Amino acid sequence: MPAEFPDFRLGSVLATSFTGTLSERHGEPVERIPTPRRLVDWLTVNGLAVDSCTAAQLDLARELRESIHATATAAAIGEPLSTSAVEVINGRSVQGRAAATLTPDRHRQWRLSSASCVEDALGVIAADAISIIAGERDGKLALCASPTCRAAFFDTSQSRSRKWCDMNTCGNRHKKARFHAKNAAENH
């Protein structure tokens, strides 16, 4: 993958990982799918390989991403879901024609209707978001404790008390800041 783009933040939950393609939403936003080709890369890494993507399909993907982020955020803080965001998620879910298949090593794999059907891949992501937001999966929606990030993530930890969307980024930044503040206080 091209080095000029920021790394993907990959997680174990498809829908919330997809919302992570735009990070630092409350700071200096980092767009991780700035081009159609970059969306193809993200889908491939996440088991939804497509051959191509148009600018219009990238717009559909970004609209779905923002709708998932809005509904996951509302669900995490107990607020009503945006009707328009729910409509986008539902629309993408019913438009997709992907089928779940089982691999010999007992993993689910998605088969899209064609190698260029981004809409099928978006349908899979939308269906994943629906299962999370509807409470059908074991875990809970939460928001990253970083004031510049505030990403929605799906907490499957045993205690359901995770604070950070990703310990290697937001959590690590917080630990470093706390360490430097402690050292500065001790040295003055």
Protein backbone atom coordinates (compact mmCIF):
# COMPACT_ATOMS: atom_id res chain seq x y z
CA MET A 1 0.00 0.00 0.00
CA PRO A 2 1.25 3.48 -0.78
CA ALA A 3 3.39 5.03 1.94
CA GLU A 4 1.98 8.53 1.40
CA PHE A 5 -1.24 7.59 3.20
CA PRO A 6 -1.64 7.12 6.95
CA ASP A 7 -1.86 3.53 8.17
CA PHE A 8 -5.22 1.88 8.61
CA ARG A 9 -6.42 1.36 12.16
CA LEU A 10 -7.56 -2.23 12.02
CA GLY A 11 -9.75 -3.72 14.68
CA SER A 12 -11.69 -6.92 15.11
CA VAL A 13 -15.10 -5.28 14.48
CA LEU A 14 -15.74 -4.38 10.85
CA ALA A 15 -18.22 -1.53 11.31
CA THR A 16 -16.31 0.40 13.97
CA SER A 17 -13.01 -0.23 12.17
CA PHE A 18 -14.63 1.35 9.13
CA THR A 19 -15.52 4.47 11.11
CA GLY A 20 -11.83 4.60 12.08
CA THR A 21 -10.95 5.46 8.49
CA LEU A 22 -11.51 9.03 9.68
CA SER A 23 -9.71 9.60 12.95
CA GLU A 24 -9.01 12.54 15.24
CA ARG A 25 -12.50 13.85 14.45
CA HIS A 26 -12.28 16.49 17.21
CA GLY A 27 -8.68 17.52 16.55
CA GLU A 28 -7.00 17.60 13.17
CA PRO A 29 -8.98 14.96 11.23
CA VAL A 30 -6.97 12.24 9.48
CA GLU A 31 -8.69 10.83 6.38
CA ARG A 32 -7.43 7.29 5.76
CA ILE A 33 -9.47 6.66 2.58
CA PRO A 34 -8.87 9.88 0.61
CA THR A 35 -9.08 8.18 -2.80
CA PRO A 36 -11.17 5.43 -4.40
CA ARG A 37 -8.03 3.25 -4.64
CA ARG A 38 -7.48 3.62 -0.90
CA LEU A 39 -11.03 2.37 -0.22
CA VAL A 40 -10.23 -0.67 -2.40
CA ASP A 41 -7.14 -1.24 -0.21
CA TRP A 42 -9.16 -0.99 3.03
CA LEU A 43 -11.86 -3.35 1.75
CA THR A 44 -9.20 -5.86 0.65
CA VAL A 45 -7.45 -5.81 4.03
CA ASN A 46 -10.84 -6.47 5.65
CA GLY A 47 -11.80 -9.45 3.50
CA LEU A 48 -14.12 -7.59 1.13
CA ALA A 49 -11.88 -7.38 -1.94
CA VAL A 50 -13.15 -5.44 -4.93
CA ASP A 51 -11.26 -4.66 -8.13
CA SER A 52 -12.22 -1.02 -8.47
CA CYS A 53 -14.06 1.90 -6.95
CA THR A 54 -15.44 5.07 -8.46
CA ALA A 55 -15.53 8.50 -6.88
CA ALA A 56 -19.31 8.11 -6.49
CA GLN A 57 -18.82 4.80 -4.65
CA LEU A 58 -16.25 6.46 -2.37
CA ASP A 59 -18.88 9.10 -1.58
CA LEU A 60 -21.38 6.33 -0.71
CA ALA A 61 -18.77 4.73 1.55
CA ARG A 62 -18.05 7.98 3.36
CA GLU A 63 -21.77 8.64 3.81
CA LEU A 64 -22.15 5.16 5.33
CA ARG A 65 -19.09 5.68 7.53
CA GLU A 66 -20.46 8.92 8.95
CA SER A 67 -23.91 7.39 9.46
CA ILE A 68 -22.41 4.45 11.36
CA HIS A 69 -20.30 6.83 13.44
CA ALA A 70 -23.35 8.99 14.26
CA THR A 71 -25.54 6.04 15.27
CA ALA A 72 -22.80 4.25 17.20
CA THR A 73 -22.00 7.47 19.08
CA ALA A 74 -25.67 8.05 19.91
CA ALA A 75 -26.07 4.44 21.04
CA ALA A 76 -22.92 4.63 23.19
CA ILE A 77 -24.20 7.68 25.09
CA GLY A 78 -27.84 6.62 25.19
CA GLU A 79 -29.23 9.27 22.85
CA PRO A 80 -31.87 8.74 20.14
CA LEU A 81 -30.53 7.61 16.78
CA SER A 82 -30.61 10.00 13.84
CA THR A 83 -33.40 8.97 11.47
CA SER A 84 -31.39 10.00 8.41
CA ALA A 85 -28.31 8.05 9.56
CA VAL A 86 -30.43 4.95 10.22
CA GLU A 87 -31.95 5.30 6.72
CA VAL A 88 -28.47 5.40 5.15
CA ILE A 89 -27.36 2.29 7.06
CA ASN A 90 -30.57 0.41 6.21
CA GLY A 91 -30.34 1.48 2.57
CA ARG A 92 -26.77 0.23 2.20
CA SER A 93 -27.64 -3.01 3.98
CA VAL A 94 -30.52 -3.90 1.66
CA GLN A 95 -28.68 -2.77 -1.46
CA GLY A 96 -25.77 -5.17 -0.91
CA ARG A 97 -25.91 -8.69 -2.30
CA ALA A 98 -23.07 -10.41 -0.50
CA ALA A 99 -23.29 -13.95 0.80
CA ALA A 100 -21.54 -15.39 3.84
CA THR A 101 -19.58 -18.55 3.07
CA LEU A 102 -17.74 -20.95 5.36
CA THR A 103 -14.08 -21.76 4.79
CA PRO A 104 -12.59 -25.21 5.56
CA ASP A 105 -10.82 -23.70 8.58
CA ARG A 106 -14.20 -22.59 10.03
CA HIS A 107 -14.05 -18.89 9.23
CA ARG A 108 -16.74 -16.77 7.64
CA GLN A 109 -15.77 -15.26 4.31
CA TRP A 110 -17.87 -12.88 2.23
CA ARG A 111 -18.61 -13.49 -1.43
CA LEU A 112 -19.60 -10.35 -3.30
CA SER A 113 -21.86 -10.46 -6.38
CA SER A 114 -19.03 -9.16 -8.57
CA ALA A 115 -15.40 -8.17 -8.21
CA SER A 116 -16.25 -4.49 -8.65
CA CYS A 117 -19.34 -4.20 -6.49
CA VAL A 118 -18.40 -1.78 -3.73
CA GLU A 119 -22.11 -1.61 -2.83
CA ASP A 120 -22.00 -5.28 -1.80
CA ALA A 121 -19.04 -4.60 0.50
CA LEU A 122 -20.83 -1.59 1.97
CA GLY A 123 -23.86 -3.81 2.57
CA VAL A 124 -21.71 -6.16 4.66
CA ILE A 125 -20.37 -3.22 6.70
CA ALA A 126 -23.89 -1.84 7.18
CA ALA A 127 -25.20 -5.24 8.31
CA ASP A 128 -22.34 -5.47 10.81
CA ALA A 129 -23.23 -2.01 12.15
CA ILE A 130 -26.87 -3.05 12.51
CA SER A 131 -25.95 -6.12 14.56
CA ILE A 132 -23.76 -4.04 16.88
CA ILE A 133 -26.12 -1.10 17.33
CA ALA A 134 -29.12 -3.42 17.79
CA GLY A 135 -27.26 -5.13 20.66
CA GLU A 136 -27.10 -8.53 18.99
CA ARG A 137 -23.40 -9.07 19.72
CA ASP A 138 -21.63 -9.62 23.01
CA GLY A 139 -19.99 -6.32 23.93
CA LYS A 140 -20.89 -2.67 24.26
CA LEU A 141 -20.46 0.48 22.25
CA ALA A 142 -18.18 3.05 23.84
CA LEU A 143 -16.40 6.27 22.88
CA CYS A 144 -12.65 6.77 23.00
CA ALA A 145 -11.57 8.78 26.06
CA SER A 146 -9.19 10.88 23.93
CA PRO A 147 -10.76 14.35 23.63
CA THR A 148 -9.44 14.74 20.07
CA CYS A 149 -10.51 11.28 18.92
CA ARG A 150 -13.87 10.29 20.47
CA ALA A 151 -14.11 7.35 18.05
CA ALA A 152 -16.90 4.87 18.61
CA PHE A 153 -15.59 1.38 19.30
CA PHE A 154 -17.07 -1.96 20.29
CA ASP A 155 -15.74 -3.06 23.67
CA THR A 156 -15.54 -6.83 24.00
CA SER A 157 -13.16 -6.82 26.97
CA GLN A 158 -14.24 -8.98 29.89
CA SER A 159 -14.94 -5.97 32.14
CA ARG A 160 -16.39 -3.80 29.32
CA SER A 161 -14.34 -0.92 30.70
CA ARG A 162 -11.96 -0.13 27.83
CA LYS A 163 -11.20 3.59 27.53
CA TRP A 164 -9.38 3.82 24.22
CA CYS A 165 -10.39 2.97 20.67
CA ASP A 166 -6.86 1.66 20.20
CA MET A 167 -4.28 1.24 22.92
CA ASN A 168 -1.43 1.58 20.40
CA THR A 169 -2.53 5.06 19.37
CA CYS A 170 -4.87 6.96 21.70
CA GLY A 171 -4.06 4.96 24.82
CA ASN A 172 -0.33 5.20 24.20
CA ARG A 173 -0.53 8.95 23.61
CA HIS A 174 -2.35 9.37 26.94
CA LYS A 175 0.23 7.25 28.78
CA LYS A 176 3.09 9.25 27.26
CA ALA A 177 1.45 12.58 28.14
CA ARG A 178 0.87 11.41 31.72
CA PHE A 179 4.49 10.24 31.97
CA HIS A 180 5.86 13.55 30.67
CA ALA A 181 3.58 15.56 32.98
CA LYS A 182 4.74 13.50 35.96
CA ASN A 183 8.40 13.97 35.03
CA ALA A 184 7.91 17.71 34.49
CA ALA A 185 6.27 18.03 37.92
CA GLU A 186 9.06 16.09 39.59
CA ASN A 187 11.75 18.22 37.92
CA HIS A 188 10.28 21.55 39.06
